[in-house]
Amino acid sequence: MSSLGASKSAFDNRGIEVSQVRVGAEYFIGKRNYERTVKFPHPNGECCVCSDEGGLKLKCGHYMCPDDILDYAWKQIKTLKHEISCASCTKIVDIDDIIILGLPDDEEKQFLTAALSVNFCLSQDIQQCIRCKSYCQRKNEDSPQVNCLVCTKNMIKPYLFCWYCLGEWKTAPTEYKKCGNSNCKKAKIMQLESAPMIDFKDKKGKTVKVPSIRACPDCTTIIEHNGGCNEMTCNYCKHKFCFICLIPTKEGSLICKSTTWNPNATITCIPAPIQANI
């Protein structure tokens, strides 16, 4: 499911809520670390996580023991991943294999599959309406305004909510940028703080770690880096800046020393920290 289509911007979901994904992941990580009881009488290989001789072979050829399969899965789910990769390589582990090898109980299995479904929805620009619990796809990725068709039909008037804070849209429908909710900035900061880190190569070839999500330094629009160079342009306000240090461009070029092709760069490119205040 890559898109719901222009005429279908919502679908029903009776599973868990978005807000429960991280809380549930923390619960099951703690529960598994406390119990650590699953052992196999006939070890098959060395676990690539804990190095114990109790690992079971994955399709990629690496081994993981039952406890570590689920523990590692929950840690990836907590960062909103919708696919679980092997702890030793980048190959995806099938959810069926995680369940077969990890032996979760019914409660954990149900929450595991539901959490992965929620994370998949988020990866497809789909968000949950907190009023009716259906999932809605925003039509414009440059705007946080989302129209819930289910609530709109039931209320016989448009029901709009904010992509970031999930609160009902309080400003005019034509105001596509600001929802008017006082807690919206906090929701953005939470998204910035939970973003996974990605690797960049600096001018000298050294690897530096940078959050994969930034807020535009000019208008605070959330921007995710999906590969390519570090020069970013905000789709909303057209502000151009370096994704690593957040320093704006000058006369159309980066002025930080992050690239080899700009001999006029004068400022050292130091990775900016997570934006905890926007």
C-alpha atoms as a PDB file:
ATOM      1  CA  MET A   1       0.000   0.000   0.000  1.00  0.00           C
ATOM      2  CA  SER A   2       1.955   2.999  -1.226  1.00  0.00           C
ATOM      3  CA  SER A   3      -0.955   5.376  -1.555  1.00  0.00           C
ATOM      4  CA  LEU A   4      -4.635   5.489  -0.740  1.00  0.00           C
ATOM      5  CA  GLY A   5      -5.473   7.467  -3.855  1.00  0.00           C
ATOM      6  CA  ALA A   6      -7.017  10.876  -4.319  1.00  0.00           C
ATOM      7  CA  SER A   7     -10.543   9.778  -3.449  1.00  0.00           C
ATOM      8  CA  LYS A   8      -9.645   7.731  -0.374  1.00  0.00           C
ATOM      9  CA  SER A   9      -7.822   9.703   2.271  1.00  0.00           C
ATOM     10  CA  ALA A  10      -8.914   7.661   5.288  1.00  0.00           C
ATOM     11  CA  PHE A  11      -9.435   4.068   6.291  1.00  0.00           C
ATOM     12  CA  ASP A  12     -10.656   2.392   9.435  1.00  0.00           C
ATOM     13  CA  ASN A  13      -8.233   0.820  11.892  1.00  0.00           C
ATOM     14  CA  ARG A  14      -9.251  -0.947  15.083  1.00  0.00           C
ATOM     15  CA  GLY A  15      -5.676  -1.424  16.314  1.00  0.00           C
ATOM     16  CA  ILE A  16      -3.565   0.646  18.672  1.00  0.00           C
ATOM     17  CA  GLU A  17      -3.171   4.413  18.645  1.00  0.00           C
ATOM     18  CA  VAL A  18      -0.045   6.182  17.430  1.00  0.00           C
ATOM     19  CA  SER A  19       0.681   7.492  20.925  1.00  0.00           C
ATOM     20  CA  GLN A  20       0.803   3.934  22.268  1.00  0.00           C
ATOM     21  CA  VAL A  21       3.618   2.693  20.005  1.00  0.00           C
ATOM     22  CA  ARG A  22       6.567   4.059  22.004  1.00  0.00           C
ATOM     23  CA  VAL A  23       4.892   3.362  25.360  1.00  0.00           C
ATOM     24  CA  GLY A  24       4.145  -0.228  24.370  1.00  0.00           C
ATOM     25  CA  ALA A  25       7.652  -0.758  23.003  1.00  0.00           C
ATOM     26  CA  GLU A  26       9.164   0.440  26.299  1.00  0.00           C
ATOM     27  CA  TYR A  27       6.870  -1.907  28.219  1.00  0.00           C
ATOM     28  CA  PHE A  28       7.812  -5.007  26.250  1.00  0.00           C
ATOM     29  CA  ILE A  29      11.537  -4.138  26.256  1.00  0.00           C
ATOM     30  CA  GLY A  30      11.422  -3.850  30.044  1.00  0.00           C
ATOM     31  CA  LYS A  31       9.343  -6.985  30.424  1.00  0.00           C
ATOM     32  CA  ARG A  32      11.687  -9.042  28.266  1.00  0.00           C
ATOM     33  CA  ASN A  33      14.822  -7.720  29.977  1.00  0.00           C
ATOM     34  CA  TYR A  34      13.288  -8.662  33.326  1.00  0.00           C
ATOM     35  CA  GLU A  35      12.237 -12.190  32.366  1.00  0.00           C
ATOM     36  CA  ARG A  36      14.873 -13.377  29.838  1.00  0.00           C
ATOM     37  CA  THR A  37      13.531 -16.903  30.218  1.00  0.00           C
ATOM     38  CA  VAL A  38      13.337 -18.291  26.678  1.00  0.00           C
ATOM     39  CA  LYS A  39      16.129 -20.830  26.123  1.00  0.00           C
ATOM     40  CA  PHE A  40      16.533 -23.568  23.571  1.00  0.00           C
ATOM     41  CA  PRO A  41      17.913 -26.988  24.591  1.00  0.00           C
ATOM     42  CA  HIS A  42      19.765 -27.440  21.303  1.00  0.00           C
ATOM     43  CA  PRO A  43      21.674 -24.255  20.419  1.00  0.00           C
ATOM     44  CA  ASN A  44      22.171 -23.742  16.718  1.00  0.00           C
ATOM     45  CA  GLY A  45      24.623 -20.836  16.492  1.00  0.00           C
ATOM     46  CA  GLU A  46      26.147 -17.776  18.132  1.00  0.00           C
ATOM     47  CA  CYS A  47      23.713 -14.894  18.584  1.00  0.00           C
ATOM     48  CA  CYS A  48      24.962 -11.778  16.762  1.00  0.00           C
ATOM     49  CA  VAL A  49      23.662  -9.603  19.623  1.00  0.00           C
ATOM     50  CA  CYS A  50      24.690 -11.279  22.888  1.00  0.00           C
ATOM     51  CA  SER A  51      27.169 -13.878  21.498  1.00  0.00           C
ATOM     52  CA  ASP A  52      25.460 -16.681  23.438  1.00  0.00           C
ATOM     53  CA  GLU A  53      25.331 -20.111  21.812  1.00  0.00           C
ATOM     54  CA  GLY A  54      21.556 -20.039  21.625  1.00  0.00           C
ATOM     55  CA  GLY A  55      20.890 -18.393  18.327  1.00  0.00           C
ATOM     56  CA  LEU A  56      18.505 -19.480  15.614  1.00  0.00           C
ATOM     57  CA  LYS A  57      19.411 -18.936  11.973  1.00  0.00           C
ATOM     58  CA  LEU A  58      17.705 -16.129  10.073  1.00  0.00           C
ATOM     59  CA  LYS A  59      17.222 -16.158   6.309  1.00  0.00           C
ATOM     60  CA  CYS A  60      20.160 -13.767   5.916  1.00  0.00           C
ATOM     61  CA  GLY A  61      22.467 -16.342   7.510  1.00  0.00           C
ATOM     62  CA  HIS A  62      23.007 -14.640  10.871  1.00  0.00           C
ATOM     63  CA  TYR A  63      21.851 -16.006  14.216  1.00  0.00           C
ATOM     64  CA  MET A  64      19.789 -14.414  16.976  1.00  0.00           C
ATOM     65  CA  CYS A  65      18.436 -15.907  20.181  1.00  0.00           C
ATOM     66  CA  PRO A  66      14.669 -15.607  20.833  1.00  0.00           C
ATOM     67  CA  ASP A  67      14.924 -12.915  23.498  1.00  0.00           C
ATOM     68  CA  ASP A  68      17.194 -10.722  21.409  1.00  0.00           C
ATOM     69  CA  ILE A  69      15.051 -11.054  18.281  1.00  0.00           C
ATOM     70  CA  LEU A  70      12.091  -9.493  20.064  1.00  0.00           C
ATOM     71  CA  ASP A  71      14.139  -7.025  22.117  1.00  0.00           C
ATOM     72  CA  TYR A  72      15.853  -5.738  18.972  1.00  0.00           C
ATOM     73  CA  ALA A  73      12.516  -5.579  17.142  1.00  0.00           C
ATOM     74  CA  TRP A  74      10.953  -3.466  19.892  1.00  0.00           C
ATOM     75  CA  LYS A  75      13.895  -1.057  19.907  1.00  0.00           C
ATOM     76  CA  GLN A  76      13.446  -0.490  16.171  1.00  0.00           C
ATOM     77  CA  ILE A  77       9.672  -0.145  16.556  1.00  0.00           C
ATOM     78  CA  LYS A  78      10.267   2.475  19.246  1.00  0.00           C
ATOM     79  CA  THR A  79      12.053   4.625  16.644  1.00  0.00           C
ATOM     80  CA  LEU A  80       8.964   4.243  14.410  1.00  0.00           C
ATOM     81  CA  LYS A  81      10.536   1.720  12.017  1.00  0.00           C
ATOM     82  CA  HIS A  82       7.982  -0.359  10.112  1.00  0.00           C
ATOM     83  CA  GLU A  83      10.501  -2.954   8.947  1.00  0.00           C
ATOM     84  CA  ILE A  84      12.842  -4.887  11.232  1.00  0.00           C
ATOM     85  CA  SER A  85      16.374  -5.433   9.970  1.00  0.00           C
ATOM     86  CA  CYS A  86      18.885  -8.038  11.122  1.00  0.00           C
ATOM     87  CA  ALA A  87      21.100  -6.812  13.973  1.00  0.00           C
ATOM     88  CA  SER A  88      24.194  -7.763  11.970  1.00  0.00           C
ATOM     89  CA  CYS A  89      23.245  -6.628   8.458  1.00  0.00           C
ATOM     90  CA  THR A  90      20.676  -4.476   6.699  1.00  0.00           C
ATOM     91  CA  LYS A  91      18.480  -7.287   5.386  1.00  0.00           C
ATOM     92  CA  ILE A  92      14.851  -7.212   6.509  1.00  0.00           C
ATOM     93  CA  VAL A  93      13.582  -9.951   8.829  1.00  0.00           C
ATOM     94  CA  ASP A  94      10.048 -11.122   8.035  1.00  0.00           C
ATOM     95  CA  ILE A  95       7.523 -10.488  10.792  1.00  0.00           C
ATOM     96  CA  ASP A  96       6.493 -14.158  10.558  1.00  0.00           C
ATOM     97  CA  ASP A  97      10.081 -15.194  11.309  1.00  0.00           C
ATOM     98  CA  ILE A  98      10.215 -12.829  14.288  1.00  0.00           C
ATOM     99  CA  ILE A  99       7.062 -14.429  15.691  1.00  0.00           C
ATOM    100  CA  ILE A 100       8.163 -18.012  14.957  1.00  0.00           C
ATOM    101  CA  LEU A 101      11.678 -17.583  16.370  1.00  0.00           C
ATOM    102  CA  GLY A 102      10.901 -15.084  19.138  1.00  0.00           C
ATOM    103  CA  LEU A 103       7.894 -16.942  20.574  1.00  0.00           C
ATOM    104  CA  PRO A 104       5.988 -13.886  21.876  1.00  0.00           C
ATOM    105  CA  ASP A 105       2.868 -14.505  23.933  1.00  0.00           C
ATOM    106  CA  ASP A 106      -0.520 -13.545  22.487  1.00  0.00           C
ATOM    107  CA  GLU A 107      -0.478 -10.047  24.022  1.00  0.00           C
ATOM    108  CA  GLU A 108       2.985  -9.239  22.703  1.00  0.00           C
ATOM    109  CA  LYS A 109       2.299 -10.737  19.271  1.00  0.00           C
ATOM    110  CA  GLN A 110      -0.885  -8.694  18.845  1.00  0.00           C
ATOM    111  CA  PHE A 111       0.816  -5.455  19.878  1.00  0.00           C
ATOM    112  CA  LEU A 112       3.870  -6.205  17.730  1.00  0.00           C
ATOM    113  CA  THR A 113       1.889  -6.548  14.505  1.00  0.00           C
ATOM    114  CA  ALA A 114      -0.324  -3.566  15.347  1.00  0.00           C
ATOM    115  CA  ALA A 115       2.678  -1.324  16.115  1.00  0.00           C
ATOM    116  CA  LEU A 116       4.358  -2.217  12.822  1.00  0.00           C
ATOM    117  CA  SER A 117       1.121  -1.374  11.001  1.00  0.00           C
ATOM    118  CA  VAL A 118       0.937   2.022  12.692  1.00  0.00           C
ATOM    119  CA  ASN A 119       4.574   2.769  11.854  1.00  0.00           C
ATOM    120  CA  PHE A 120       3.958   1.789   8.238  1.00  0.00           C
ATOM    121  CA  CYS A 121       1.064   4.227   8.067  1.00  0.00           C
ATOM    122  CA  LEU A 122       3.281   7.023   9.384  1.00  0.00           C
ATOM    123  CA  SER A 123       5.923   6.209   6.764  1.00  0.00           C
ATOM    124  CA  GLN A 124       3.305   6.679   4.039  1.00  0.00           C
ATOM    125  CA  ASP A 125       2.285  10.174   5.228  1.00  0.00           C
ATOM    126  CA  ILE A 126      -0.715   8.694   7.017  1.00  0.00           C
ATOM    127  CA  GLN A 127      -1.710   9.907  10.483  1.00  0.00           C
ATOM    128  CA  GLN A 128      -4.383   8.873  12.961  1.00  0.00           C
ATOM    129  CA  CYS A 129      -7.362  11.066  13.708  1.00  0.00           C
ATOM    130  CA  ILE A 130      -7.698  11.120  17.485  1.00  0.00           C
ATOM    131  CA  ARG A 131     -11.421  11.836  17.227  1.00  0.00           C
ATOM    132  CA  CYS A 132     -12.567   8.737  15.288  1.00  0.00           C
ATOM    133  CA  LYS A 133      -9.332   6.630  15.316  1.00  0.00           C
ATOM    134  CA  SER A 134      -9.322   6.256  11.525  1.00  0.00           C
ATOM    135  CA  TYR A 135      -6.131   6.857   9.550  1.00  0.00           C
ATOM    136  CA  CYS A 136      -5.902   9.784   7.156  1.00  0.00           C
ATOM    137  CA  GLN A 137      -3.447  10.631   4.404  1.00  0.00           C
ATOM    138  CA  ARG A 138      -2.483  14.257   4.013  1.00  0.00           C
ATOM    139  CA  LYS A 139      -2.704  15.500   0.442  1.00  0.00           C
ATOM    140  CA  ASN A 140       0.047  18.119   0.726  1.00  0.00           C
ATOM    141  CA  GLU A 141       3.280  17.107   2.450  1.00  0.00           C
ATOM    142  CA  ASP A 142       4.254  20.776   2.772  1.00  0.00           C
ATOM    143  CA  SER A 143       1.251  21.490   5.011  1.00  0.00           C
ATOM    144  CA  PRO A 144       0.360  19.935   8.380  1.00  0.00           C
ATOM    145  CA  GLN A 145      -3.368  20.338   7.676  1.00  0.00           C
ATOM    146  CA  VAL A 146      -5.205  17.003   7.363  1.00  0.00           C
ATOM    147  CA  ASN A 147      -8.846  16.447   6.427  1.00  0.00           C
ATOM    148  CA  CYS A 148     -10.518  13.436   8.072  1.00  0.00           C
ATOM    149  CA  LEU A 149     -13.185  12.223   5.656  1.00  0.00           C
ATOM    150  CA  VAL A 150     -14.826   9.977   8.261  1.00  0.00           C
ATOM    151  CA  CYS A 151     -15.396  12.823  10.741  1.00  0.00           C
ATOM    152  CA  THR A 152     -16.301  15.221   7.933  1.00  0.00           C
ATOM    153  CA  LYS A 153     -19.036  12.844   6.769  1.00  0.00           C
ATOM    154  CA  ASN A 154     -20.362  12.198  10.289  1.00  0.00           C
ATOM    155  CA  MET A 155     -20.303  15.870  11.329  1.00  0.00           C
ATOM    156  CA  ILE A 156     -21.616  17.125   7.948  1.00  0.00           C
ATOM    157  CA  LYS A 157     -18.866  19.753   7.944  1.00  0.00           C
ATOM    158  CA  PRO A 158     -15.121  19.664   7.293  1.00  0.00           C
ATOM    159  CA  TYR A 159     -13.067  18.274  10.162  1.00  0.00           C
ATOM    160  CA  LEU A 160      -9.429  19.303   9.932  1.00  0.00           C
ATOM    161  CA  PHE A 161      -6.636  18.365  12.318  1.00  0.00           C
ATOM    162  CA  CYS A 162      -2.910  19.022  12.644  1.00  0.00           C
ATOM    163  CA  TRP A 163      -0.391  16.441  11.401  1.00  0.00           C
ATOM    164  CA  TYR A 164       2.038  17.232  14.236  1.00  0.00           C
ATOM    165  CA  CYS A 165      -0.028  17.713  17.401  1.00  0.00           C
ATOM    166  CA  LEU A 166      -3.179  15.859  16.158  1.00  0.00           C
ATOM    167  CA  GLY A 167      -5.342  18.623  17.601  1.00  0.00           C
ATOM    168  CA  GLU A 168      -8.358  20.036  15.774  1.00  0.00           C
ATOM    169  CA  TRP A 169      -7.424  22.800  13.318  1.00  0.00           C
ATOM    170  CA  LYS A 170      -8.275  26.096  15.021  1.00  0.00           C
ATOM    171  CA  THR A 171      -7.194  28.666  12.456  1.00  0.00           C
ATOM    172  CA  ALA A 172      -8.965  29.345   9.164  1.00  0.00           C
ATOM    173  CA  PRO A 173      -8.939  26.444   6.665  1.00  0.00           C
ATOM    174  CA  THR A 174      -7.040  28.683   4.259  1.00  0.00           C
ATOM    175  CA  GLU A 175      -4.212  29.035   6.799  1.00  0.00           C
ATOM    176  CA  TYR A 176      -2.295  25.929   5.756  1.00  0.00           C
ATOM    177  CA  LYS A 177       0.741  26.454   7.984  1.00  0.00           C
ATOM    178  CA  LYS A 178      -0.358  27.082  11.574  1.00  0.00           C
ATOM    179  CA  CYS A 179      -3.024  25.039  13.337  1.00  0.00           C
ATOM    180  CA  GLY A 180      -3.452  27.465  16.227  1.00  0.00           C
ATOM    181  CA  ASN A 181      -2.866  24.887  18.980  1.00  0.00           C
ATOM    182  CA  SER A 182      -0.550  26.021  21.769  1.00  0.00           C
ATOM    183  CA  ASN A 183       0.946  22.539  22.218  1.00  0.00           C
ATOM    184  CA  CYS A 184       1.896  22.086  18.558  1.00  0.00           C
ATOM    185  CA  LYS A 185       5.482  23.260  19.062  1.00  0.00           C
ATOM    186  CA  LYS A 186       5.952  20.599  21.742  1.00  0.00           C
ATOM    187  CA  ALA A 187       4.758  17.907  19.332  1.00  0.00           C
ATOM    188  CA  LYS A 188       7.310  19.024  16.742  1.00  0.00           C
ATOM    189  CA  ILE A 189      10.101  18.965  19.323  1.00  0.00           C
ATOM    190  CA  MET A 190       9.160  15.412  20.323  1.00  0.00           C
ATOM    191  CA  GLN A 191       9.418  14.385  16.670  1.00  0.00           C
ATOM    192  CA  LEU A 192      12.829  16.046  16.361  1.00  0.00           C
ATOM    193  CA  GLU A 193      14.120  14.440  19.555  1.00  0.00           C
ATOM    194  CA  SER A 194      13.052  10.920  18.533  1.00  0.00           C
ATOM    195  CA  ALA A 195      14.479  11.068  15.000  1.00  0.00           C
ATOM    196  CA  PRO A 196      17.104   8.407  14.198  1.00  0.00           C
ATOM    197  CA  MET A 197      20.636   9.571  13.396  1.00  0.00           C
ATOM    198  CA  ILE A 198      22.108   9.356   9.896  1.00  0.00           C
ATOM    199  CA  ASP A 199      25.708   9.517   8.650  1.00  0.00           C
ATOM    200  CA  PHE A 200      27.239  12.329   6.615  1.00  0.00           C
ATOM    201  CA  LYS A 201      30.748  12.619   5.201  1.00  0.00           C
ATOM    202  CA  ASP A 202      32.454  15.937   5.938  1.00  0.00           C
ATOM    203  CA  LYS A 203      35.004  17.681   3.703  1.00  0.00           C
ATOM    204  CA  LYS A 204      37.820  15.483   5.017  1.00  0.00           C
ATOM    205  CA  GLY A 205      35.831  12.274   4.551  1.00  0.00           C
ATOM    206  CA  LYS A 206      35.120  11.896   8.253  1.00  0.00           C
ATOM    207  CA  THR A 207      31.727  10.469   9.203  1.00  0.00           C
ATOM    208  CA  VAL A 208      29.519  12.719  11.331  1.00  0.00           C
ATOM    209  CA  LYS A 209      26.147  11.784  12.790  1.00  0.00           C
ATOM    210  CA  VAL A 210      23.203  14.119  12.263  1.00  0.00           C
ATOM    211  CA  PRO A 211      19.474  13.809  13.116  1.00  0.00           C
ATOM    212  CA  SER A 212      17.520  12.593  10.082  1.00  0.00           C
ATOM    213  CA  ILE A 213      14.816  15.204  10.743  1.00  0.00           C
ATOM    214  CA  ARG A 214      15.336  18.943  11.108  1.00  0.00           C
ATOM    215  CA  ALA A 215      13.068  21.934  11.574  1.00  0.00           C
ATOM    216  CA  CYS A 216      13.528  24.679   9.019  1.00  0.00           C
ATOM    217  CA  PRO A 217      15.530  27.390  10.860  1.00  0.00           C
ATOM    218  CA  ASP A 218      13.289  30.034   9.318  1.00  0.00           C
ATOM    219  CA  CYS A 219       9.696  28.731   9.590  1.00  0.00           C
ATOM    220  CA  THR A 220      10.082  25.478  11.670  1.00  0.00           C
ATOM    221  CA  THR A 221       8.573  23.241   8.966  1.00  0.00           C
ATOM    222  CA  ILE A 222       9.690  19.654   9.618  1.00  0.00           C
ATOM    223  CA  ILE A 223      12.110  18.406   6.933  1.00  0.00           C
ATOM    224  CA  GLU A 224      13.388  14.841   6.599  1.00  0.00           C
ATOM    225  CA  HIS A 225      16.639  14.057   4.793  1.00  0.00           C
ATOM    226  CA  ASN A 226      16.151  11.225   2.306  1.00  0.00           C
ATOM    227  CA  GLY A 227      19.626  11.093   0.813  1.00  0.00           C
ATOM    228  CA  GLY A 228      21.692  13.318  -1.428  1.00  0.00           C
ATOM    229  CA  CYS A 229      23.690  16.395  -0.512  1.00  0.00           C
ATOM    230  CA  ASN A 230      23.418  18.411   2.676  1.00  0.00           C
ATOM    231  CA  GLU A 231      22.064  21.592   1.048  1.00  0.00           C
ATOM    232  CA  MET A 232      18.356  21.746   1.827  1.00  0.00           C
ATOM    233  CA  THR A 233      15.527  23.961   0.592  1.00  0.00           C
ATOM    234  CA  CYS A 234      12.362  24.287   2.663  1.00  0.00           C
ATOM    235  CA  ASN A 235       9.398  23.567   0.404  1.00  0.00           C
ATOM    236  CA  TYR A 236       7.227  25.977   2.377  1.00  0.00           C
ATOM    237  CA  CYS A 237       9.302  29.151   2.798  1.00  0.00           C
ATOM    238  CA  LYS A 238      12.124  28.331   0.302  1.00  0.00           C
ATOM    239  CA  HIS A 239      14.783  28.963   2.956  1.00  0.00           C
ATOM    240  CA  LYS A 240      18.090  27.293   1.986  1.00  0.00           C
ATOM    241  CA  PHE A 241      20.479  25.949   4.602  1.00  0.00           C
ATOM    242  CA  CYS A 242      23.000  23.246   5.451  1.00  0.00           C
ATOM    243  CA  PHE A 243      21.322  20.172   6.944  1.00  0.00           C
ATOM    244  CA  ILE A 244      24.415  19.468   9.051  1.00  0.00           C
ATOM    245  CA  CYS A 245      25.104  22.817  10.746  1.00  0.00           C
ATOM    246  CA  LEU A 246      21.832  24.654   9.863  1.00  0.00           C
ATOM    247  CA  ILE A 247      23.776  27.696   8.594  1.00  0.00           C
ATOM    248  CA  PRO A 248      21.874  29.430   5.754  1.00  0.00           C
ATOM    249  CA  THR A 249      23.285  29.732   2.250  1.00  0.00           C
ATOM    250  CA  LYS A 250      24.593  33.002   0.841  1.00  0.00           C
ATOM    251  CA  GLU A 251      24.012  34.036  -2.760  1.00  0.00           C
ATOM    252  CA  GLY A 252      22.806  30.523  -3.555  1.00  0.00           C
ATOM    253  CA  SER A 253      25.804  28.649  -2.138  1.00  0.00           C
ATOM    254  CA  LEU A 254      26.709  27.020   1.146  1.00  0.00           C
ATOM    255  CA  ILE A 255      29.182  29.109   3.135  1.00  0.00           C
ATOM    256  CA  CYS A 256      30.165  26.366   5.581  1.00  0.00           C
ATOM    257  CA  LYS A 257      33.186  24.135   4.965  1.00  0.00           C
ATOM    258  CA  SER A 258      31.134  20.992   4.404  1.00  0.00           C
ATOM    259  CA  THR A 259      31.875  20.484   0.728  1.00  0.00           C
ATOM    260  CA  THR A 260      34.957  20.375  -1.474  1.00  0.00           C
ATOM    261  CA  TRP A 261      33.374  22.197  -4.421  1.00  0.00           C
ATOM    262  CA  ASN A 262      32.988  25.578  -2.727  1.00  0.00           C
ATOM    263  CA  PRO A 263      36.441  27.159  -2.226  1.00  0.00           C
ATOM    264  CA  ASN A 264      34.831  30.339  -0.871  1.00  0.00           C
ATOM    265  CA  ALA A 265      33.385  28.620   2.209  1.00  0.00           C
ATOM    266  CA  THR A 266      34.580  30.424   5.332  1.00  0.00           C
ATOM    267  CA  ILE A 267      32.701  28.870   8.268  1.00  0.00           C
ATOM    268  CA  THR A 268      33.525  25.550   9.913  1.00  0.00           C
ATOM    269  CA  CYS A 269      30.653  23.097   9.498  1.00  0.00           C
ATOM    270  CA  ILE A 270      29.907  21.797  12.991  1.00  0.00           C
ATOM    271  CA  PRO A 271      26.912  19.415  13.322  1.00  0.00           C
ATOM    272  CA  ALA A 272      24.086  21.288  15.012  1.00  0.00           C
ATOM    273  CA  PRO A 273      22.534  19.457  17.970  1.00  0.00           C
ATOM    274  CA  ILE A 274      18.978  18.163  18.080  1.00  0.00           C
ATOM    275  CA  GLN A 275      16.658  21.155  17.921  1.00  0.00           C
ATOM    276  CA  ALA A 276      15.089  21.028  21.366  1.00  0.00           C
ATOM    277  CA  ASN A 277      13.916  24.629  21.113  1.00  0.00           C
ATOM    278  CA  ILE A 278      12.237  25.959  17.970  1.00  0.00           C
END
